[in-house]
Amino acid sequence: MSSQLSNPSQWTTGSDPPTEKQKSFLSTLAASKNADVDPSSLNKSEASQKIDELKHQETVNADAGAGQPIQDPKGWATGDEPATGKQMGYVAVMAKEVGEEVPGKMGKSEASERIGELKGRTGM
């Protein structure tokens, strides 16, 4: 089964249209790599293969800061989902550093924006 998972062309749903998450991620990734890709013209299998191909290319904008989001967090397909443990950890450490209360719950996009703001204030 693992060989099938690693070979998208053998997926049962490989000929289906790409998922919204695939299209969104592929568009963002293609833009960061300065690649011309139309996710809507691909099927699920082809989109997965293109994502893998682009992920292994060097980034065109080598001056982009590490940890900077490629896409505006407000446009993230998963931005309303609860923040990850890492995100909440970063927010907690930096909020304490600047003497602010640590927030209880945040969405992924809100946490990303907060991390960016706190990085600027703490120099971390």
PDB file of N, CA and C in Angstrom:
ATOM      1  N   MET A   1       0.814  -1.201   0.000  1.00  0.00           N
ATOM      2  CA  MET A   1       0.000   0.000   0.000  1.00  0.00           C
ATOM      3  C   MET A   1       0.853   1.260   0.000  1.00  0.00           C
ATOM      4  N   SER A   2       1.967   1.242   0.721  1.00  0.00           N
ATOM      5  CA  SER A   2       2.807   2.444   0.762  1.00  0.00           C
ATOM      6  C   SER A   2       3.354   2.793  -0.614  1.00  0.00           C
ATOM      7  N   SER A   3       3.590   1.793  -1.462  1.00  0.00           N
ATOM      8  CA  SER A   3       4.072   2.099  -2.806  1.00  0.00           C
ATOM      9  C   SER A   3       3.006   2.827  -3.613  1.00  0.00           C
ATOM     10  N   GLN A   4       1.741   2.496  -3.364  1.00  0.00           N
ATOM     11  CA  GLN A   4       0.653   3.186  -4.051  1.00  0.00           C
ATOM     12  C   GLN A   4       0.558   4.634  -3.566  1.00  0.00           C
ATOM     13  N   LEU A   5       0.759   4.846  -2.267  1.00  0.00           N
ATOM     14  CA  LEU A   5       0.699   6.196  -1.715  1.00  0.00           C
ATOM     15  C   LEU A   5       1.808   7.076  -2.282  1.00  0.00           C
ATOM     16  N   SER A   6       2.949   6.493  -2.531  1.00  0.00           N
ATOM     17  CA  SER A   6       4.064   7.282  -3.055  1.00  0.00           C
ATOM     18  C   SER A   6       4.009   7.434  -4.574  1.00  0.00           C
ATOM     19  N   ASN A   7       3.021   6.834  -5.213  1.00  0.00           N
ATOM     20  CA  ASN A   7       2.882   6.943  -6.665  1.00  0.00           C
ATOM     21  C   ASN A   7       1.481   7.467  -7.000  1.00  0.00           C
ATOM     22  N   PRO A   8       1.322   8.802  -7.037  1.00  0.00           N
ATOM     23  CA  PRO A   8       0.002   9.397  -7.253  1.00  0.00           C
ATOM     24  C   PRO A   8      -0.719   8.915  -8.507  1.00  0.00           C
ATOM     25  N   SER A   9       0.026   8.512  -9.528  1.00  0.00           N
ATOM     26  CA  SER A   9      -0.635   8.067 -10.757  1.00  0.00           C
ATOM     27  C   SER A   9      -1.430   6.780 -10.546  1.00  0.00           C
ATOM     28  N   GLN A  10      -1.170   6.082  -9.437  1.00  0.00           N
ATOM     29  CA  GLN A  10      -1.894   4.850  -9.143  1.00  0.00           C
ATOM     30  C   GLN A  10      -3.056   5.071  -8.173  1.00  0.00           C
ATOM     31  N   TRP A  11      -3.267   6.290  -7.716  1.00  0.00           N
ATOM     32  CA  TRP A  11      -4.359   6.567  -6.788  1.00  0.00           C
ATOM     33  C   TRP A  11      -5.696   6.274  -7.446  1.00  0.00           C
ATOM     34  N   THR A  12      -6.617   5.755  -6.682  1.00  0.00           N
ATOM     35  CA  THR A  12      -7.971   5.504  -7.173  1.00  0.00           C
ATOM     36  C   THR A  12      -8.630   6.810  -7.593  1.00  0.00           C
ATOM     37  N   THR A  13      -8.348   7.876  -6.865  1.00  0.00           N
ATOM     38  CA  THR A  13      -8.947   9.184  -7.168  1.00  0.00           C
ATOM     39  C   THR A  13      -7.981  10.102  -7.915  1.00  0.00           C
ATOM     40  N   GLY A  14      -6.898   9.546  -8.435  1.00  0.00           N
ATOM     41  CA  GLY A  14      -5.869  10.350  -9.095  1.00  0.00           C
ATOM     42  C   GLY A  14      -6.345  11.145 -10.289  1.00  0.00           C
ATOM     43  N   SER A  15      -7.381  10.660 -10.965  1.00  0.00           N
ATOM     44  CA  SER A  15      -7.880  11.383 -12.137  1.00  0.00           C
ATOM     45  C   SER A  15      -8.946  12.414 -11.779  1.00  0.00           C
ATOM     46  N   ASP A  16      -9.325  12.483 -10.499  1.00  0.00           N
ATOM     47  CA  ASP A  16     -10.291  13.491 -10.043  1.00  0.00           C
ATOM     48  C   ASP A  16      -9.653  14.878 -10.090  1.00  0.00           C
ATOM     49  N   PRO A  17     -10.470  15.930 -10.103  1.00  0.00           N
ATOM     50  CA  PRO A  17      -9.908  17.288 -10.033  1.00  0.00           C
ATOM     51  C   PRO A  17      -9.136  17.472  -8.729  1.00  0.00           C
ATOM     52  N   PRO A  18      -8.154  18.356  -8.718  1.00  0.00           N
ATOM     53  CA  PRO A  18      -7.392  18.587  -7.482  1.00  0.00           C
ATOM     54  C   PRO A  18      -8.298  19.168  -6.389  1.00  0.00           C
ATOM     55  N   THR A  19      -7.934  18.919  -5.135  1.00  0.00           N
ATOM     56  CA  THR A  19      -8.697  19.478  -4.014  1.00  0.00           C
ATOM     57  C   THR A  19      -8.442  20.982  -3.937  1.00  0.00           C
ATOM     58  N   GLU A  20      -9.290  21.671  -3.218  1.00  0.00           N
ATOM     59  CA  GLU A  20      -9.096  23.117  -3.030  1.00  0.00           C
ATOM     60  C   GLU A  20      -7.773  23.398  -2.321  1.00  0.00           C
ATOM     61  N   LYS A  21      -7.431  22.555  -1.347  1.00  0.00           N
ATOM     62  CA  LYS A  21      -6.159  22.739  -0.635  1.00  0.00           C
ATOM     63  C   LYS A  21      -4.979  22.542  -1.585  1.00  0.00           C
ATOM     64  N   GLN A  22      -5.071  21.535  -2.464  1.00  0.00           N
ATOM     65  CA  GLN A  22      -4.003  21.318  -3.446  1.00  0.00           C
ATOM     66  C   GLN A  22      -3.867  22.535  -4.357  1.00  0.00           C
ATOM     67  N   LYS A  23      -4.999  23.030  -4.859  1.00  0.00           N
ATOM     68  CA  LYS A  23      -4.950  24.176  -5.778  1.00  0.00           C
ATOM     69  C   LYS A  23      -4.374  25.403  -5.093  1.00  0.00           C
ATOM     70  N   SER A  24      -4.805  25.655  -3.864  1.00  0.00           N
ATOM     71  CA  SER A  24      -4.314  26.819  -3.130  1.00  0.00           C
ATOM     72  C   SER A  24      -2.813  26.703  -2.859  1.00  0.00           C
ATOM     73  N   PHE A  25      -2.403  25.536  -2.370  1.00  0.00           N
ATOM     74  CA  PHE A  25      -0.987  25.339  -2.061  1.00  0.00           C
ATOM     75  C   PHE A  25      -0.133  25.396  -3.321  1.00  0.00           C
ATOM     76  N   LEU A  26      -0.606  24.780  -4.380  1.00  0.00           N
ATOM     77  CA  LEU A  26       0.141  24.770  -5.635  1.00  0.00           C
ATOM     78  C   LEU A  26       0.285  26.180  -6.201  1.00  0.00           C
ATOM     79  N   SER A  27      -0.771  26.981  -6.131  1.00  0.00           N
ATOM     80  CA  SER A  27      -0.694  28.371  -6.607  1.00  0.00           C
ATOM     81  C   SER A  27       0.337  29.159  -5.820  1.00  0.00           C
ATOM     82  N   THR A  28       0.302  29.011  -4.506  1.00  0.00           N
ATOM     83  CA  THR A  28       1.237  29.721  -3.637  1.00  0.00           C
ATOM     84  C   THR A  28       2.665  29.260  -3.881  1.00  0.00           C
ATOM     85  N   LEU A  29       2.852  27.959  -3.962  1.00  0.00           N
ATOM     86  CA  LEU A  29       4.176  27.398  -4.184  1.00  0.00           C
ATOM     87  C   LEU A  29       4.726  27.804  -5.547  1.00  0.00           C
ATOM     88  N   ALA A  30       3.884  27.754  -6.570  1.00  0.00           N
ATOM     89  CA  ALA A  30       4.314  28.144  -7.919  1.00  0.00           C
ATOM     90  C   ALA A  30       4.739  29.609  -7.941  1.00  0.00           C
ATOM     91  N   ALA A  31       3.992  30.467  -7.250  1.00  0.00           N
ATOM     92  CA  ALA A  31       4.347  31.885  -7.207  1.00  0.00           C
ATOM     93  C   ALA A  31       5.697  32.089  -6.523  1.00  0.00           C
ATOM     94  N   SER A  32       5.944  31.341  -5.446  1.00  0.00           N
ATOM     95  CA  SER A  32       7.216  31.494  -4.730  1.00  0.00           C
ATOM     96  C   SER A  32       8.396  30.973  -5.547  1.00  0.00           C
ATOM     97  N   LYS A  33       8.130  30.080  -6.469  1.00  0.00           N
ATOM     98  CA  LYS A  33       9.182  29.509  -7.313  1.00  0.00           C
ATOM     99  C   LYS A  33       9.218  30.156  -8.694  1.00  0.00           C
ATOM    100  N   ASN A  34       8.368  31.172  -8.877  1.00  0.00           N
ATOM    101  CA  ASN A  34       8.267  31.878 -10.151  1.00  0.00           C
ATOM    102  C   ASN A  34       7.948  30.914 -11.294  1.00  0.00           C
ATOM    103  N   ALA A  35       7.040  29.971 -11.023  1.00  0.00           N
ATOM    104  CA  ALA A  35       6.647  28.969 -12.014  1.00  0.00           C
ATOM    105  C   ALA A  35       5.232  29.278 -12.494  1.00  0.00           C
ATOM    106  N   ASP A  36       4.992  29.039 -13.756  1.00  0.00           N
ATOM    107  CA  ASP A  36       3.675  29.271 -14.344  1.00  0.00           C
ATOM    108  C   ASP A  36       2.899  27.953 -14.316  1.00  0.00           C
ATOM    109  N   VAL A  37       1.969  27.829 -13.364  1.00  0.00           N
ATOM    110  CA  VAL A  37       1.191  26.602 -13.201  1.00  0.00           C
ATOM    111  C   VAL A  37      -0.276  26.963 -13.062  1.00  0.00           C
ATOM    112  N   ASP A  38      -1.129  26.290 -13.809  1.00  0.00           N
ATOM    113  CA  ASP A  38      -2.579  26.457 -13.681  1.00  0.00           C
ATOM    114  C   ASP A  38      -3.121  25.206 -12.994  1.00  0.00           C
ATOM    115  N   PRO A  39      -3.336  25.259 -11.668  1.00  0.00           N
ATOM    116  CA  PRO A  39      -3.791  24.072 -10.938  1.00  0.00           C
ATOM    117  C   PRO A  39      -5.105  23.492 -11.467  1.00  0.00           C
ATOM    118  N   SER A  40      -5.945  24.336 -12.033  1.00  0.00           N
ATOM    119  CA  SER A  40      -7.235  23.866 -12.536  1.00  0.00           C
ATOM    120  C   SER A  40      -7.084  22.969 -13.761  1.00  0.00           C
ATOM    121  N   SER A  41      -5.935  23.041 -14.426  1.00  0.00           N
ATOM    122  CA  SER A  41      -5.722  22.224 -15.622  1.00  0.00           C
ATOM    123  C   SER A  41      -5.168  20.839 -15.276  1.00  0.00           C
ATOM    124  N   LEU A  42      -4.918  20.590 -13.977  1.00  0.00           N
ATOM    125  CA  LEU A  42      -4.319  19.330 -13.547  1.00  0.00           C
ATOM    126  C   LEU A  42      -5.348  18.454 -12.832  1.00  0.00           C
ATOM    127  N   ASN A  43      -5.096  17.152 -12.806  1.00  0.00           N
ATOM    128  CA  ASN A  43      -5.926  16.297 -11.965  1.00  0.00           C
ATOM    129  C   ASN A  43      -5.214  16.139 -10.619  1.00  0.00           C
ATOM    130  N   LYS A  44      -5.823  15.418  -9.705  1.00  0.00           N
ATOM    131  CA  LYS A  44      -5.288  15.278  -8.352  1.00  0.00           C
ATOM    132  C   LYS A  44      -3.875  14.682  -8.367  1.00  0.00           C
ATOM    133  N   SER A  45      -3.668  13.664  -9.177  1.00  0.00           N
ATOM    134  CA  SER A  45      -2.370  13.007  -9.279  1.00  0.00           C
ATOM    135  C   SER A  45      -1.310  13.961  -9.828  1.00  0.00           C
ATOM    136  N   GLU A  46      -1.648  14.652 -10.904  1.00  0.00           N
ATOM    137  CA  GLU A  46      -0.697  15.589 -11.516  1.00  0.00           C
ATOM    138  C   GLU A  46      -0.376  16.746 -10.570  1.00  0.00           C
ATOM    139  N   ALA A  47      -1.386  17.223  -9.841  1.00  0.00           N
ATOM    140  CA  ALA A  47      -1.166  18.314  -8.888  1.00  0.00           C
ATOM    141  C   ALA A  47      -0.194  17.872  -7.797  1.00  0.00           C
ATOM    142  N   SER A  48      -0.376  16.660  -7.290  1.00  0.00           N
ATOM    143  CA  SER A  48       0.520  16.144  -6.259  1.00  0.00           C
ATOM    144  C   SER A  48       1.948  16.033  -6.775  1.00  0.00           C
ATOM    145  N   GLN A  49       2.101  15.538  -7.980  1.00  0.00           N
ATOM    146  CA  GLN A  49       3.431  15.407  -8.566  1.00  0.00           C
ATOM    147  C   GLN A  49       4.069  16.780  -8.799  1.00  0.00           C
ATOM    148  N   LYS A  50       3.274  17.755  -9.228  1.00  0.00           N
ATOM    149  CA  LYS A  50       3.796  19.107  -9.465  1.00  0.00           C
ATOM    150  C   LYS A  50       4.225  19.751  -8.149  1.00  0.00           C
ATOM    151  N   ILE A  51       3.436  19.518  -7.103  1.00  0.00           N
ATOM    152  CA  ILE A  51       3.798  20.042  -5.779  1.00  0.00           C
ATOM    153  C   ILE A  51       5.143  19.472  -5.350  1.00  0.00           C
ATOM    154  N   ASP A  52       5.306  18.163  -5.478  1.00  0.00           N
ATOM    155  CA  ASP A  52       6.588  17.541  -5.111  1.00  0.00           C
ATOM    156  C   ASP A  52       7.736  18.120  -5.930  1.00  0.00           C
ATOM    157  N   GLU A  53       7.508  18.289  -7.226  1.00  0.00           N
ATOM    158  CA  GLU A  53       8.537  18.839  -8.110  1.00  0.00           C
ATOM    159  C   GLU A  53       8.936  20.249  -7.670  1.00  0.00           C
ATOM    160  N   LEU A  54       7.940  21.095  -7.403  1.00  0.00           N
ATOM    161  CA  LEU A  54       8.222  22.480  -7.012  1.00  0.00           C
ATOM    162  C   LEU A  54       8.859  22.565  -5.627  1.00  0.00           C
ATOM    163  N   LYS A  55       8.471  21.690  -4.729  1.00  0.00           N
ATOM    164  CA  LYS A  55       9.037  21.708  -3.382  1.00  0.00           C
ATOM    165  C   LYS A  55      10.535  21.416  -3.407  1.00  0.00           C
ATOM    166  N   HIS A  56      10.991  20.693  -4.418  1.00  0.00           N
ATOM    167  CA  HIS A  56      12.399  20.333  -4.493  1.00  0.00           C
ATOM    168  C   HIS A  56      13.231  21.310  -5.326  1.00  0.00           C
ATOM    169  N   GLN A  57      12.582  22.333  -5.882  1.00  0.00           N
ATOM    170  CA  GLN A  57      13.315  23.370  -6.613  1.00  0.00           C
ATOM    171  C   GLN A  57      13.816  24.411  -5.627  1.00  0.00           C
ATOM    172  N   GLU A  58      14.871  25.090  -6.009  1.00  0.00           N
ATOM    173  CA  GLU A  58      15.349  26.191  -5.173  1.00  0.00           C
ATOM    174  C   GLU A  58      14.359  27.337  -5.239  1.00  0.00           C
ATOM    175  N   THR A  59      14.236  28.052  -4.151  1.00  0.00           N
ATOM    176  CA  THR A  59      13.353  29.204  -4.109  1.00  0.00           C
ATOM    177  C   THR A  59      13.966  30.340  -4.910  1.00  0.00           C
ATOM    178  N   VAL A  60      13.147  30.998  -5.724  1.00  0.00           N
ATOM    179  CA  VAL A  60      13.625  32.091  -6.566  1.00  0.00           C
ATOM    180  C   VAL A  60      14.038  33.277  -5.715  1.00  0.00           C
ATOM    181  N   ASN A  61      13.250  33.600  -4.697  1.00  0.00           N
ATOM    182  CA  ASN A  61      13.535  34.742  -3.848  1.00  0.00           C
ATOM    183  C   ASN A  61      14.370  34.296  -2.658  1.00  0.00           C
ATOM    184  N   ALA A  62      15.666  34.223  -2.847  1.00  0.00           N
ATOM    185  CA  ALA A  62      16.562  33.770  -1.787  1.00  0.00           C
ATOM    186  C   ALA A  62      16.655  34.784  -0.656  1.00  0.00           C
ATOM    187  N   ASP A  63      16.208  36.037  -0.883  1.00  0.00           N
ATOM    188  CA  ASP A  63      16.267  37.065   0.149  1.00  0.00           C
ATOM    189  C   ASP A  63      15.092  36.996   1.113  1.00  0.00           C
ATOM    190  N   ALA A  64      14.096  36.167   0.830  1.00  0.00           N
ATOM    191  CA  ALA A  64      12.938  36.060   1.716  1.00  0.00           C
ATOM    192  C   ALA A  64      13.406  35.534   3.065  1.00  0.00           C
ATOM    193  N   GLY A  65      12.903  36.148   4.115  1.00  0.00           N
ATOM    194  CA  GLY A  65      13.291  35.752   5.456  1.00  0.00           C
ATOM    195  C   GLY A  65      12.759  34.380   5.817  1.00  0.00           C
ATOM    196  N   ALA A  66      13.554  33.622   6.521  1.00  0.00           N
ATOM    197  CA  ALA A  66      13.096  32.310   6.973  1.00  0.00           C
ATOM    198  C   ALA A  66      11.920  32.504   7.908  1.00  0.00           C
ATOM    199  N   GLY A  67      10.930  31.661   7.767  1.00  0.00           N
ATOM    200  CA  GLY A  67       9.773  31.733   8.632  1.00  0.00           C
ATOM    201  C   GLY A  67       8.707  32.705   8.159  1.00  0.00           C
ATOM    202  N   GLN A  68       8.980  33.466   7.136  1.00  0.00           N
ATOM    203  CA  GLN A  68       7.984  34.393   6.606  1.00  0.00           C
ATOM    204  C   GLN A  68       6.958  33.611   5.791  1.00  0.00           C
ATOM    205  N   PRO A  69       5.673  33.874   5.991  1.00  0.00           N
ATOM    206  CA  PRO A  69       4.683  33.148   5.205  1.00  0.00           C
ATOM    207  C   PRO A  69       4.789  33.514   3.724  1.00  0.00           C
ATOM    208  N   ILE A  70       4.610  32.518   2.858  1.00  0.00           N
ATOM    209  CA  ILE A  70       4.654  32.746   1.425  1.00  0.00           C
ATOM    210  C   ILE A  70       3.417  33.518   0.992  1.00  0.00           C
ATOM    211  N   GLN A  71       2.324  33.261   1.658  1.00  0.00           N
ATOM    212  CA  GLN A  71       1.033  33.837   1.294  1.00  0.00           C
ATOM    213  C   GLN A  71       0.500  34.610   2.500  1.00  0.00           C
ATOM    214  N   ASP A  72      -0.313  35.620   2.246  1.00  0.00           N
ATOM    215  CA  ASP A  72      -0.952  36.361   3.321  1.00  0.00           C
ATOM    216  C   ASP A  72      -1.785  35.383   4.150  1.00  0.00           C
ATOM    217  N   PRO A  73      -1.535  35.312   5.463  1.00  0.00           N
ATOM    218  CA  PRO A  73      -2.272  34.368   6.301  1.00  0.00           C
ATOM    219  C   PRO A  73      -3.790  34.507   6.210  1.00  0.00           C
ATOM    220  N   LYS A  74      -4.288  35.683   5.889  1.00  0.00           N
ATOM    221  CA  LYS A  74      -5.741  35.866   5.778  1.00  0.00           C
ATOM    222  C   LYS A  74      -6.313  35.060   4.623  1.00  0.00           C
ATOM    223  N   GLY A  75      -5.485  34.680   3.659  1.00  0.00           N
ATOM    224  CA  GLY A  75      -5.940  33.914   2.510  1.00  0.00           C
ATOM    225  C   GLY A  75      -5.751  32.410   2.658  1.00  0.00           C
ATOM    226  N   TRP A  76      -5.254  31.967   3.793  1.00  0.00           N
ATOM    227  CA  TRP A  76      -5.012  30.544   4.001  1.00  0.00           C
ATOM    228  C   TRP A  76      -6.318  29.773   4.034  1.00  0.00           C
ATOM    229  N   ALA A  77      -6.362  28.642   3.359  1.00  0.00           N
ATOM    230  CA  ALA A  77      -7.549  27.784   3.372  1.00  0.00           C
ATOM    231  C   ALA A  77      -7.802  27.229   4.767  1.00  0.00           C
ATOM    232  N   THR A  78      -6.749  27.053   5.565  1.00  0.00           N
ATOM    233  CA  THR A  78      -6.887  26.487   6.907  1.00  0.00           C
ATOM    234  C   THR A  78      -6.714  27.539   7.999  1.00  0.00           C
ATOM    235  N   GLY A  79      -6.804  28.814   7.627  1.00  0.00           N
ATOM    236  CA  GLY A  79      -6.541  29.898   8.569  1.00  0.00           C
ATOM    237  C   GLY A  79      -7.456  29.962   9.768  1.00  0.00           C
ATOM    238  N   ASP A  80      -8.672  29.436   9.631  1.00  0.00           N
ATOM    239  CA  ASP A  80      -9.614  29.470  10.749  1.00  0.00           C
ATOM    240  C   ASP A  80      -9.469  28.279  11.686  1.00  0.00           C
ATOM    241  N   GLU A  81      -8.668  27.298  11.288  1.00  0.00           N
ATOM    242  CA  GLU A  81      -8.447  26.135  12.155  1.00  0.00           C
ATOM    243  C   GLU A  81      -7.637  26.575  13.368  1.00  0.00           C
ATOM    244  N   PRO A  82      -7.738  25.836  14.477  1.00  0.00           N
ATOM    245  CA  PRO A  82      -6.963  26.204  15.674  1.00  0.00           C
ATOM    246  C   PRO A  82      -5.472  26.243  15.374  1.00  0.00           C
ATOM    247  N   ALA A  83      -4.789  27.195  16.011  1.00  0.00           N
ATOM    248  CA  ALA A  83      -3.338  27.343  15.844  1.00  0.00           C
ATOM    249  C   ALA A  83      -2.646  26.050  16.268  1.00  0.00           C
ATOM    250  N   THR A  84      -1.504  25.785  15.635  1.00  0.00           N
ATOM    251  CA  THR A  84      -0.734  24.599  15.992  1.00  0.00           C
ATOM    252  C   THR A  84      -0.057  24.805  17.340  1.00  0.00           C
ATOM    253  N   GLY A  85       0.404  23.712  17.915  1.00  0.00           N
ATOM    254  CA  GLY A  85       1.127  23.796  19.181  1.00  0.00           C
ATOM    255  C   GLY A  85       2.380  24.646  19.069  1.00  0.00           C
ATOM    256  N   LYS A  86       3.096  24.517  17.942  1.00  0.00           N
ATOM    257  CA  LYS A  86       4.299  25.329  17.740  1.00  0.00           C
ATOM    258  C   LYS A  86       3.949  26.808  17.687  1.00  0.00           C
ATOM    259  N   GLN A  87       2.882  27.137  16.945  1.00  0.00           N
ATOM    260  CA  GLN A  87       2.480  28.539  16.849  1.00  0.00           C
ATOM    261  C   GLN A  87       2.158  29.095  18.233  1.00  0.00           C
ATOM    262  N   MET A  88       1.372  28.349  19.007  1.00  0.00           N
ATOM    263  CA  MET A  88       0.994  28.834  20.339  1.00  0.00           C
ATOM    264  C   MET A  88       2.220  28.959  21.241  1.00  0.00           C
ATOM    265  N   GLY A  89       3.182  28.044  21.071  1.00  0.00           N
ATOM    266  CA  GLY A  89       4.423  28.132  21.854  1.00  0.00           C
ATOM    267  C   GLY A  89       5.211  29.389  21.528  1.00  0.00           C
ATOM    268  N   TYR A  90       5.343  29.694  20.231  1.00  0.00           N
ATOM    269  CA  TYR A  90       6.055  30.905  19.818  1.00  0.00           C
ATOM    270  C   TYR A  90       5.359  32.151  20.367  1.00  0.00           C
ATOM    271  N   VAL A  91       4.031  32.185  20.230  1.00  0.00           N
ATOM    272  CA  VAL A  91       3.281  33.340  20.725  1.00  0.00           C
ATOM    273  C   VAL A  91       3.483  33.483  22.231  1.00  0.00           C
ATOM    274  N   ALA A  92       3.401  32.381  22.972  1.00  0.00           N
ATOM    275  CA  ALA A  92       3.536  32.430  24.428  1.00  0.00           C
ATOM    276  C   ALA A  92       4.897  32.972  24.847  1.00  0.00           C
ATOM    277  N   VAL A  93       5.958  32.463  24.248  1.00  0.00           N
ATOM    278  CA  VAL A  93       7.311  32.899  24.611  1.00  0.00           C
ATOM    279  C   VAL A  93       7.491  34.385  24.326  1.00  0.00           C
ATOM    280  N   MET A  94       7.084  34.813  23.130  1.00  0.00           N
ATOM    281  CA  MET A  94       7.305  36.215  22.762  1.00  0.00           C
ATOM    282  C   MET A  94       6.363  37.160  23.508  1.00  0.00           C
ATOM    283  N   ALA A  95       5.126  36.728  23.783  1.00  0.00           N
ATOM    284  CA  ALA A  95       4.205  37.575  24.546  1.00  0.00           C
ATOM    285  C   ALA A  95       4.755  37.816  25.948  1.00  0.00           C
ATOM    286  N   LYS A  96       5.272  36.768  26.564  1.00  0.00           N
ATOM    287  CA  LYS A  96       5.875  36.924  27.900  1.00  0.00           C
ATOM    288  C   LYS A  96       7.072  37.859  27.839  1.00  0.00           C
ATOM    289  N   GLU A  97       7.843  37.750  26.760  1.00  0.00           N
ATOM    290  CA  GLU A  97       9.037  38.593  26.581  1.00  0.00           C
ATOM    291  C   GLU A  97       8.682  40.079  26.585  1.00  0.00           C
ATOM    292  N   VAL A  98       7.538  40.430  25.997  1.00  0.00           N
ATOM    293  CA  VAL A  98       7.140  41.841  25.939  1.00  0.00           C
ATOM    294  C   VAL A  98       6.158  42.205  27.046  1.00  0.00           C
ATOM    295  N   GLY A  99       5.921  41.277  27.986  1.00  0.00           N
ATOM    296  CA  GLY A  99       5.071  41.557  29.134  1.00  0.00           C
ATOM    297  C   GLY A  99       3.578  41.549  28.833  1.00  0.00           C
ATOM    298  N   GLU A 100       3.175  40.807  27.826  1.00  0.00           N
ATOM    299  CA  GLU A 100       1.756  40.718  27.484  1.00  0.00           C
ATOM    300  C   GLU A 100       1.179  39.390  27.944  1.00  0.00           C
ATOM    301  N   GLU A 101      -0.121  39.387  28.100  1.00  0.00           N
ATOM    302  CA  GLU A 101      -0.819  38.164  28.486  1.00  0.00           C
ATOM    303  C   GLU A 101      -0.796  37.183  27.308  1.00  0.00           C
ATOM    304  N   VAL A 102      -0.633  35.916  27.637  1.00  0.00           N
ATOM    305  CA  VAL A 102      -0.624  34.872  26.617  1.00  0.00           C
ATOM    306  C   VAL A 102      -2.066  34.543  26.248  1.00  0.00           C
ATOM    307  N   PRO A 103      -2.419  34.648  24.962  1.00  0.00           N
ATOM    308  CA  PRO A 103      -3.793  34.366  24.547  1.00  0.00           C
ATOM    309  C   PRO A 103      -4.141  32.898  24.736  1.00  0.00           C
ATOM    310  N   GLY A 104      -5.431  32.625  24.991  1.00  0.00           N
ATOM    311  CA  GLY A 104      -5.881  31.252  25.199  1.00  0.00           C
ATOM    312  C   GLY A 104      -6.042  30.482  23.916  1.00  0.00           C
ATOM    313  N   LYS A 105      -6.809  31.010  22.982  1.00  0.00           N
ATOM    314  CA  LYS A 105      -7.069  30.307  21.730  1.00  0.00           C
ATOM    315  C   LYS A 105      -6.891  31.278  20.569  1.00  0.00           C
ATOM    316  N   MET A 106      -6.372  30.751  19.467  1.00  0.00           N
ATOM    317  CA  MET A 106      -6.190  31.540  18.253  1.00  0.00           C
ATOM    318  C   MET A 106      -6.338  30.619  17.054  1.00  0.00           C
ATOM    319  N   GLY A 107      -6.690  31.200  15.917  1.00  0.00           N
ATOM    320  CA  GLY A 107      -6.681  30.457  14.669  1.00  0.00           C
ATOM    321  C   GLY A 107      -5.283  30.495  14.080  1.00  0.00           C
ATOM    322  N   LYS A 108      -5.031  29.649  13.077  1.00  0.00           N
ATOM    323  CA  LYS A 108      -3.704  29.594  12.464  1.00  0.00           C
ATOM    324  C   LYS A 108      -3.281  30.923  11.861  1.00  0.00           C
ATOM    325  N   SER A 109      -4.192  31.580  11.130  1.00  0.00           N
ATOM    326  CA  SER A 109      -3.803  32.832  10.489  1.00  0.00           C
ATOM    327  C   SER A 109      -3.591  33.936  11.530  1.00  0.00           C
ATOM    328  N   GLU A 110      -4.439  33.977  12.548  1.00  0.00           N
ATOM    329  CA  GLU A 110      -4.281  34.976  13.609  1.00  0.00           C
ATOM    330  C   GLU A 110      -2.947  34.760  14.332  1.00  0.00           C
ATOM    331  N   ALA A 111      -2.614  33.511  14.621  1.00  0.00           N
ATOM    332  CA  ALA A 111      -1.349  33.206  15.295  1.00  0.00           C
ATOM    333  C   ALA A 111      -0.159  33.615  14.434  1.00  0.00           C
ATOM    334  N   SER A 112      -0.239  33.355  13.135  1.00  0.00           N
ATOM    335  CA  SER A 112       0.857  33.716  12.241  1.00  0.00           C
ATOM    336  C   SER A 112       1.072  35.228  12.235  1.00  0.00           C
ATOM    337  N   GLU A 113      -0.016  35.981  12.161  1.00  0.00           N
ATOM    338  CA  GLU A 113       0.103  37.444  12.175  1.00  0.00           C
ATOM    339  C   GLU A 113       0.660  37.930  13.504  1.00  0.00           C
ATOM    340  N   ARG A 114       0.222  37.311  14.591  1.00  0.00           N
ATOM    341  CA  ARG A 114       0.697  37.699  15.929  1.00  0.00           C
ATOM    342  C   ARG A 114       2.190  37.395  16.069  1.00  0.00           C
ATOM    343  N   ILE A 115       2.619  36.252  15.546  1.00  0.00           N
ATOM    344  CA  ILE A 115       4.037  35.893  15.585  1.00  0.00           C
ATOM    345  C   ILE A 115       4.862  36.934  14.833  1.00  0.00           C
ATOM    346  N   GLY A 116       4.392  37.332  13.665  1.00  0.00           N
ATOM    347  CA  GLY A 116       5.102  38.350  12.897  1.00  0.00           C
ATOM    348  C   GLY A 116       5.219  39.662  13.650  1.00  0.00           C
ATOM    349  N   GLU A 117       4.126  40.073  14.269  1.00  0.00           N
ATOM    350  CA  GLU A 117       4.127  41.319  15.053  1.00  0.00           C
ATOM    351  C   GLU A 117       5.088  41.211  16.233  1.00  0.00           C
ATOM    352  N   LEU A 118       5.001  40.107  16.980  1.00  0.00           N
ATOM    353  CA  LEU A 118       5.850  39.940  18.158  1.00  0.00           C
ATOM    354  C   LEU A 118       7.323  39.789  17.788  1.00  0.00           C
ATOM    355  N   LYS A 119       7.627  39.169  16.641  1.00  0.00           N
ATOM    356  CA  LYS A 119       9.022  39.059  16.196  1.00  0.00           C
ATOM    357  C   LYS A 119       9.619  40.440  16.016  1.00  0.00           C
ATOM    358  N   GLY A 120       8.828  41.346  15.436  1.00  0.00           N
ATOM    359  CA  GLY A 120       9.308  42.703  15.236  1.00  0.00           C
ATOM    360  C   GLY A 120       9.567  43.437  16.531  1.00  0.00           C
ATOM    361  N   ARG A 121       8.740  43.151  17.530  1.00  0.00           N
ATOM    362  CA  ARG A 121       8.883  43.840  18.810  1.00  0.00           C
ATOM    363  C   ARG A 121       9.955  43.237  19.705  1.00  0.00           C
ATOM    364  N   THR A 122      10.194  41.921  19.569  1.00  0.00           N
ATOM    365  CA  THR A 122      11.165  41.270  20.443  1.00  0.00           C
ATOM    366  C   THR A 122      12.531  41.119  19.800  1.00  0.00           C
ATOM    367  N   GLY A 123      12.598  41.216  18.478  1.00  0.00           N
ATOM    368  CA  GLY A 123      13.854  40.995  17.788  1.00  0.00           C
ATOM    369  C   GLY A 123      14.215  39.518  17.690  1.00  0.00           C
ATOM    370  N   MET A 124      13.278  38.654  18.033  1.00  0.00           N
ATOM    371  CA  MET A 124      13.532  37.195  17.988  1.00  0.00           C
ATOM    372  C   MET A 124      13.436  36.706  16.574  1.00  0.00           C
TER     373      MET A 124
END
